[in-house]
Amino acid sequence: MACFVYILGSDGKGGLRTYVGWTTDLEKRLDAHNAGSGAKSTRGRTWALLYAECYKTRGEAMSREWHLKRDRKFRKGLA
């Protein structure tokens, strides 16, 4: 099963924000974030998919997610 690492962006009242996560279904996960049933830190905003990568295993995706969460320069460049 393919696993995706993704970066979402939202430009709300608090300024531009990004969120990094992983999933097996990008469309379903983005819908969950926008419906307020995704991660707690994403509630109350409208999110757009800025970037995604595909991996063969959950472990690879989770490792890449960990690295992207610490790479603010990369995330800022997407916005």
C-alpha atoms as a PDB file:
ATOM      1  CA  MET A   1       0.000   0.000   0.000  1.00  0.00           C
ATOM      2  CA  ALA A   2       1.365   3.419  -0.956  1.00  0.00           C
ATOM      3  CA  CYS A   3       1.901   5.968   1.780  1.00  0.00           C
ATOM      4  CA  PHE A   4       2.041   9.700   1.182  1.00  0.00           C
ATOM      5  CA  VAL A   5       3.809  12.480   3.049  1.00  0.00           C
ATOM      6  CA  TYR A   6       2.081  15.803   2.510  1.00  0.00           C
ATOM      7  CA  ILE A   7       2.374  19.480   3.341  1.00  0.00           C
ATOM      8  CA  LEU A   8      -0.744  21.582   3.714  1.00  0.00           C
ATOM      9  CA  GLY A   9      -0.874  25.363   3.693  1.00  0.00           C
ATOM     10  CA  SER A  10      -3.381  27.801   5.138  1.00  0.00           C
ATOM     11  CA  ASP A  11      -3.361  31.593   5.101  1.00  0.00           C
ATOM     12  CA  GLY A  12      -5.658  32.589   7.958  1.00  0.00           C
ATOM     13  CA  LYS A  13      -5.966  35.287  10.576  1.00  0.00           C
ATOM     14  CA  GLY A  14      -2.753  34.159  12.271  1.00  0.00           C
ATOM     15  CA  GLY A  15      -0.780  34.327   9.021  1.00  0.00           C
ATOM     16  CA  LEU A  16       0.531  31.562   6.816  1.00  0.00           C
ATOM     17  CA  ARG A  17       0.767  28.129   8.424  1.00  0.00           C
ATOM     18  CA  THR A  18       1.937  24.779   7.174  1.00  0.00           C
ATOM     19  CA  TYR A  19       1.157  21.306   8.401  1.00  0.00           C
ATOM     20  CA  VAL A  20       3.095  18.122   7.642  1.00  0.00           C
ATOM     21  CA  GLY A  21       1.541  14.658   7.884  1.00  0.00           C
ATOM     22  CA  TRP A  22       1.340  11.235   6.284  1.00  0.00           C
ATOM     23  CA  THR A  23      -1.565   9.149   5.007  1.00  0.00           C
ATOM     24  CA  THR A  24      -2.579   6.370   2.647  1.00  0.00           C
ATOM     25  CA  ASP A  25      -5.344   8.494   1.039  1.00  0.00           C
ATOM     26  CA  LEU A  26      -4.477  12.130   0.295  1.00  0.00           C
ATOM     27  CA  GLU A  27      -7.920  13.265  -0.817  1.00  0.00           C
ATOM     28  CA  LYS A  28      -9.697  11.743   2.179  1.00  0.00           C
ATOM     29  CA  ARG A  29      -7.129  13.187   4.598  1.00  0.00           C
ATOM     30  CA  LEU A  30      -7.367  16.718   3.147  1.00  0.00           C
ATOM     31  CA  ASP A  31     -11.164  16.525   3.395  1.00  0.00           C
ATOM     32  CA  ALA A  32     -10.831  15.465   7.058  1.00  0.00           C
ATOM     33  CA  HIS A  33      -8.565  18.411   7.855  1.00  0.00           C
ATOM     34  CA  ASN A  34     -10.950  20.866   6.188  1.00  0.00           C
ATOM     35  CA  ALA A  35     -13.970  19.308   7.927  1.00  0.00           C
ATOM     36  CA  GLY A  36     -12.368  19.837  11.335  1.00  0.00           C
ATOM     37  CA  SER A  37     -11.916  16.129  12.028  1.00  0.00           C
ATOM     38  CA  GLY A  38      -8.209  15.984  11.170  1.00  0.00           C
ATOM     39  CA  ALA A  39      -5.398  16.861  13.538  1.00  0.00           C
ATOM     40  CA  LYS A  40      -6.335  19.210  16.375  1.00  0.00           C
ATOM     41  CA  SER A  41      -3.849  21.857  15.231  1.00  0.00           C
ATOM     42  CA  THR A  42      -5.524  22.091  11.800  1.00  0.00           C
ATOM     43  CA  ARG A  43      -9.062  22.843  12.994  1.00  0.00           C
ATOM     44  CA  GLY A  44     -10.707  26.148  12.140  1.00  0.00           C
ATOM     45  CA  ARG A  45      -8.711  26.759   8.953  1.00  0.00           C
ATOM     46  CA  THR A  46      -9.094  25.981   5.266  1.00  0.00           C
ATOM     47  CA  TRP A  47      -6.177  23.940   3.996  1.00  0.00           C
ATOM     48  CA  ALA A  48      -4.757  23.394   0.514  1.00  0.00           C
ATOM     49  CA  LEU A  49      -2.334  20.689  -0.541  1.00  0.00           C
ATOM     50  CA  LEU A  50       1.041  22.303  -1.280  1.00  0.00           C
ATOM     51  CA  TYR A  51       3.273  19.260  -1.707  1.00  0.00           C
ATOM     52  CA  ALA A  52       3.188  15.459  -1.587  1.00  0.00           C
ATOM     53  CA  GLU A  53       5.604  12.540  -1.921  1.00  0.00           C
ATOM     54  CA  CYS A  54       4.813   8.837  -2.309  1.00  0.00           C
ATOM     55  CA  TYR A  55       6.579   5.999  -0.446  1.00  0.00           C
ATOM     56  CA  LYS A  56       6.269   2.227  -0.526  1.00  0.00           C
ATOM     57  CA  THR A  57       6.206   1.727   3.248  1.00  0.00           C
ATOM     58  CA  ARG A  58       4.744   3.407   6.281  1.00  0.00           C
ATOM     59  CA  GLY A  59       8.193   3.568   7.899  1.00  0.00           C
ATOM     60  CA  GLU A  60       9.691   5.472   4.964  1.00  0.00           C
ATOM     61  CA  ALA A  61       6.795   7.934   4.979  1.00  0.00           C
ATOM     62  CA  MET A  62       7.006   8.506   8.720  1.00  0.00           C
ATOM     63  CA  SER A  63      10.767   9.084   8.504  1.00  0.00           C
ATOM     64  CA  ARG A  64      10.319  11.653   5.724  1.00  0.00           C
ATOM     65  CA  GLU A  65       7.517  13.335   7.682  1.00  0.00           C
ATOM     66  CA  TRP A  66       9.871  13.686  10.664  1.00  0.00           C
ATOM     67  CA  HIS A  67      12.489  15.372   8.476  1.00  0.00           C
ATOM     68  CA  LEU A  68      10.022  17.710   6.760  1.00  0.00           C
ATOM     69  CA  LYS A  69       8.607  18.849  10.106  1.00  0.00           C
ATOM     70  CA  ARG A  70      12.088  20.098  11.006  1.00  0.00           C
ATOM     71  CA  ASP A  71      12.815  21.753   7.633  1.00  0.00           C
ATOM     72  CA  ARG A  72      11.119  25.126   7.963  1.00  0.00           C
ATOM     73  CA  LYS A  73      13.110  26.615   5.098  1.00  0.00           C
ATOM     74  CA  PHE A  74      11.703  24.030   2.668  1.00  0.00           C
ATOM     75  CA  ARG A  75       8.131  24.535   3.913  1.00  0.00           C
ATOM     76  CA  LYS A  76       8.423  28.323   3.711  1.00  0.00           C
ATOM     77  CA  GLY A  77       9.605  28.029   0.124  1.00  0.00           C
ATOM     78  CA  LEU A  78       6.384  26.250  -0.855  1.00  0.00           C
ATOM     79  CA  ALA A  79       4.102  29.023   0.290  1.00  0.00           C
END
